[in-house]
Amino acid sequence: MAIAKVSKKGWVVIPREIRERYGIQPGDKVHVIDYGGRIALVPAAKDPIEHGFGLLKGGPSLTQALLEDRREELEREERGLPPPRTQ
């Protein structure tokens, strides 16, 4: 287990083995997260757009679901049917 010391200024040096394992370089940013009594340092994504690319890949197409919903709504309107009840 790596241990770090807090300086008088509140600085914490992340041990080399941890920096190397997670690819943390000088100038990189980390998120400081409070987990109800625990503190975690999480490396920030260098490029959040690239990091999130493909995150939703393979899931249902929300565009197709919306188009299907709109098609059904149009059919109900054309038939003069009331909109479906929502819970």
C-alpha atoms as a PDB file:
ATOM      1  CA  MET A   1       0.000   0.000   0.000  1.00  0.00           C
ATOM      2  CA  ALA A   2       1.370   3.401  -0.972  1.00  0.00           C
ATOM      3  CA  ILE A   3       1.308   6.162   1.630  1.00  0.00           C
ATOM      4  CA  ALA A   4       1.503   9.898   0.970  1.00  0.00           C
ATOM      5  CA  LYS A   5       2.109  12.715   3.422  1.00  0.00           C
ATOM      6  CA  VAL A   6       0.148  15.987   3.440  1.00  0.00           C
ATOM      7  CA  SER A   7       2.358  19.097   3.553  1.00  0.00           C
ATOM      8  CA  LYS A   8       1.610  22.284   5.504  1.00  0.00           C
ATOM      9  CA  LYS A   9       0.232  23.739   2.261  1.00  0.00           C
ATOM     10  CA  GLY A  10      -2.102  20.761   1.792  1.00  0.00           C
ATOM     11  CA  TRP A  11      -0.065  19.258  -1.027  1.00  0.00           C
ATOM     12  CA  VAL A  12      -0.038  15.505  -1.509  1.00  0.00           C
ATOM     13  CA  VAL A  13       2.543  13.781  -3.677  1.00  0.00           C
ATOM     14  CA  ILE A  14       1.128  10.750  -5.456  1.00  0.00           C
ATOM     15  CA  PRO A  15       3.692   7.944  -5.116  1.00  0.00           C
ATOM     16  CA  ARG A  16       5.639   7.102  -8.278  1.00  0.00           C
ATOM     17  CA  GLU A  17       4.328   3.517  -8.496  1.00  0.00           C
ATOM     18  CA  ILE A  18       0.730   4.813  -8.549  1.00  0.00           C
ATOM     19  CA  ARG A  19       1.532   7.588 -11.063  1.00  0.00           C
ATOM     20  CA  GLU A  20       3.186   5.061 -13.367  1.00  0.00           C
ATOM     21  CA  ARG A  21       0.364   2.519 -13.024  1.00  0.00           C
ATOM     22  CA  TYR A  22      -2.272   5.089 -14.012  1.00  0.00           C
ATOM     23  CA  GLY A  23      -0.174   7.104 -16.458  1.00  0.00           C
ATOM     24  CA  ILE A  24      -0.387  10.311 -14.422  1.00  0.00           C
ATOM     25  CA  GLN A  25       2.071  12.880 -15.777  1.00  0.00           C
ATOM     26  CA  PRO A  26       3.112  16.302 -14.440  1.00  0.00           C
ATOM     27  CA  GLY A  27       0.333  18.792 -15.226  1.00  0.00           C
ATOM     28  CA  ASP A  28      -2.392  16.126 -15.434  1.00  0.00           C
ATOM     29  CA  LYS A  29      -5.541  16.725 -13.426  1.00  0.00           C
ATOM     30  CA  VAL A  30      -7.214  14.385 -10.956  1.00  0.00           C
ATOM     31  CA  HIS A  31     -10.697  14.496  -9.462  1.00  0.00           C
ATOM     32  CA  VAL A  32     -10.806  14.594  -5.662  1.00  0.00           C
ATOM     33  CA  ILE A  33     -13.948  12.717  -4.636  1.00  0.00           C
ATOM     34  CA  ASP A  34     -15.453  12.506  -1.148  1.00  0.00           C
ATOM     35  CA  TYR A  35     -17.120   9.136  -0.636  1.00  0.00           C
ATOM     36  CA  GLY A  36     -18.685   9.796   2.768  1.00  0.00           C
ATOM     37  CA  GLY A  37     -15.614   9.615   4.943  1.00  0.00           C
ATOM     38  CA  ARG A  38     -13.225   8.335   2.266  1.00  0.00           C
ATOM     39  CA  ILE A  39     -11.256  10.389  -0.244  1.00  0.00           C
ATOM     40  CA  ALA A  40     -10.445   9.113  -3.718  1.00  0.00           C
ATOM     41  CA  LEU A  41      -8.192  10.594  -6.384  1.00  0.00           C
ATOM     42  CA  VAL A  42      -9.385   9.684  -9.868  1.00  0.00           C
ATOM     43  CA  PRO A  43      -7.375  10.619 -12.960  1.00  0.00           C
ATOM     44  CA  ALA A  44      -9.331  13.064 -15.121  1.00  0.00           C
ATOM     45  CA  ALA A  45      -9.788  12.073 -18.758  1.00  0.00           C
ATOM     46  CA  LYS A  46      -7.282  13.907 -20.929  1.00  0.00           C
ATOM     47  CA  ASP A  47      -9.885  14.183 -23.699  1.00  0.00           C
ATOM     48  CA  PRO A  48     -13.433  13.715 -22.308  1.00  0.00           C
ATOM     49  CA  ILE A  49     -14.952  13.565 -25.806  1.00  0.00           C
ATOM     50  CA  GLU A  50     -12.651  10.765 -26.893  1.00  0.00           C
ATOM     51  CA  HIS A  51     -13.118   9.005 -23.552  1.00  0.00           C
ATOM     52  CA  GLY A  52     -16.911   9.017 -23.972  1.00  0.00           C
ATOM     53  CA  PHE A  53     -16.915   8.054 -27.650  1.00  0.00           C
ATOM     54  CA  GLY A  54     -18.721   4.765 -28.159  1.00  0.00           C
ATOM     55  CA  LEU A  55     -19.932   4.661 -24.564  1.00  0.00           C
ATOM     56  CA  LEU A  56     -23.504   3.961 -25.670  1.00  0.00           C
ATOM     57  CA  LYS A  57     -22.554   1.740 -28.599  1.00  0.00           C
ATOM     58  CA  GLY A  58     -24.533  -1.465 -28.829  1.00  0.00           C
ATOM     59  CA  GLY A  59     -27.529  -0.167 -26.909  1.00  0.00           C
ATOM     60  CA  PRO A  60     -30.967   0.484 -28.349  1.00  0.00           C
ATOM     61  CA  SER A  61     -31.280   3.316 -30.840  1.00  0.00           C
ATOM     62  CA  LEU A  62     -33.030   6.170 -29.088  1.00  0.00           C
ATOM     63  CA  THR A  63     -33.563   7.839 -32.466  1.00  0.00           C
ATOM     64  CA  GLN A  64     -35.392   4.782 -33.798  1.00  0.00           C
ATOM     65  CA  ALA A  65     -37.506   4.579 -30.624  1.00  0.00           C
ATOM     66  CA  LEU A  66     -38.445   8.255 -30.956  1.00  0.00           C
ATOM     67  CA  LEU A  67     -39.347   7.891 -34.638  1.00  0.00           C
ATOM     68  CA  GLU A  68     -41.488   4.823 -33.850  1.00  0.00           C
ATOM     69  CA  ASP A  69     -43.256   6.705 -31.050  1.00  0.00           C
ATOM     70  CA  ARG A  70     -43.942   9.658 -33.343  1.00  0.00           C
ATOM     71  CA  ARG A  71     -45.269   7.327 -36.070  1.00  0.00           C
ATOM     72  CA  GLU A  72     -47.661   5.680 -33.595  1.00  0.00           C
ATOM     73  CA  GLU A  73     -48.773   9.080 -32.302  1.00  0.00           C
ATOM     74  CA  LEU A  74     -49.511  10.258 -35.859  1.00  0.00           C
ATOM     75  CA  GLU A  75     -51.541   7.102 -36.560  1.00  0.00           C
ATOM     76  CA  ARG A  76     -53.621   7.660 -33.392  1.00  0.00           C
ATOM     77  CA  GLU A  77     -54.260  11.281 -34.344  1.00  0.00           C
ATOM     78  CA  GLU A  78     -55.327  10.300 -37.871  1.00  0.00           C
ATOM     79  CA  ARG A  79     -57.760   7.724 -36.483  1.00  0.00           C
ATOM     80  CA  GLY A  80     -59.106  10.239 -33.949  1.00  0.00           C
ATOM     81  CA  LEU A  81     -58.025   8.098 -30.999  1.00  0.00           C
ATOM     82  CA  PRO A  82     -57.128   9.672 -27.640  1.00  0.00           C
ATOM     83  CA  PRO A  83     -53.475   9.633 -26.571  1.00  0.00           C
ATOM     84  CA  PRO A  84     -52.426   6.608 -24.505  1.00  0.00           C
ATOM     85  CA  ARG A  85     -52.619   6.885 -20.745  1.00  0.00           C
ATOM     86  CA  THR A  86     -49.378   7.308 -18.871  1.00  0.00           C
ATOM     87  CA  GLN A  87     -48.784   5.935 -15.416  1.00  0.00           C
END
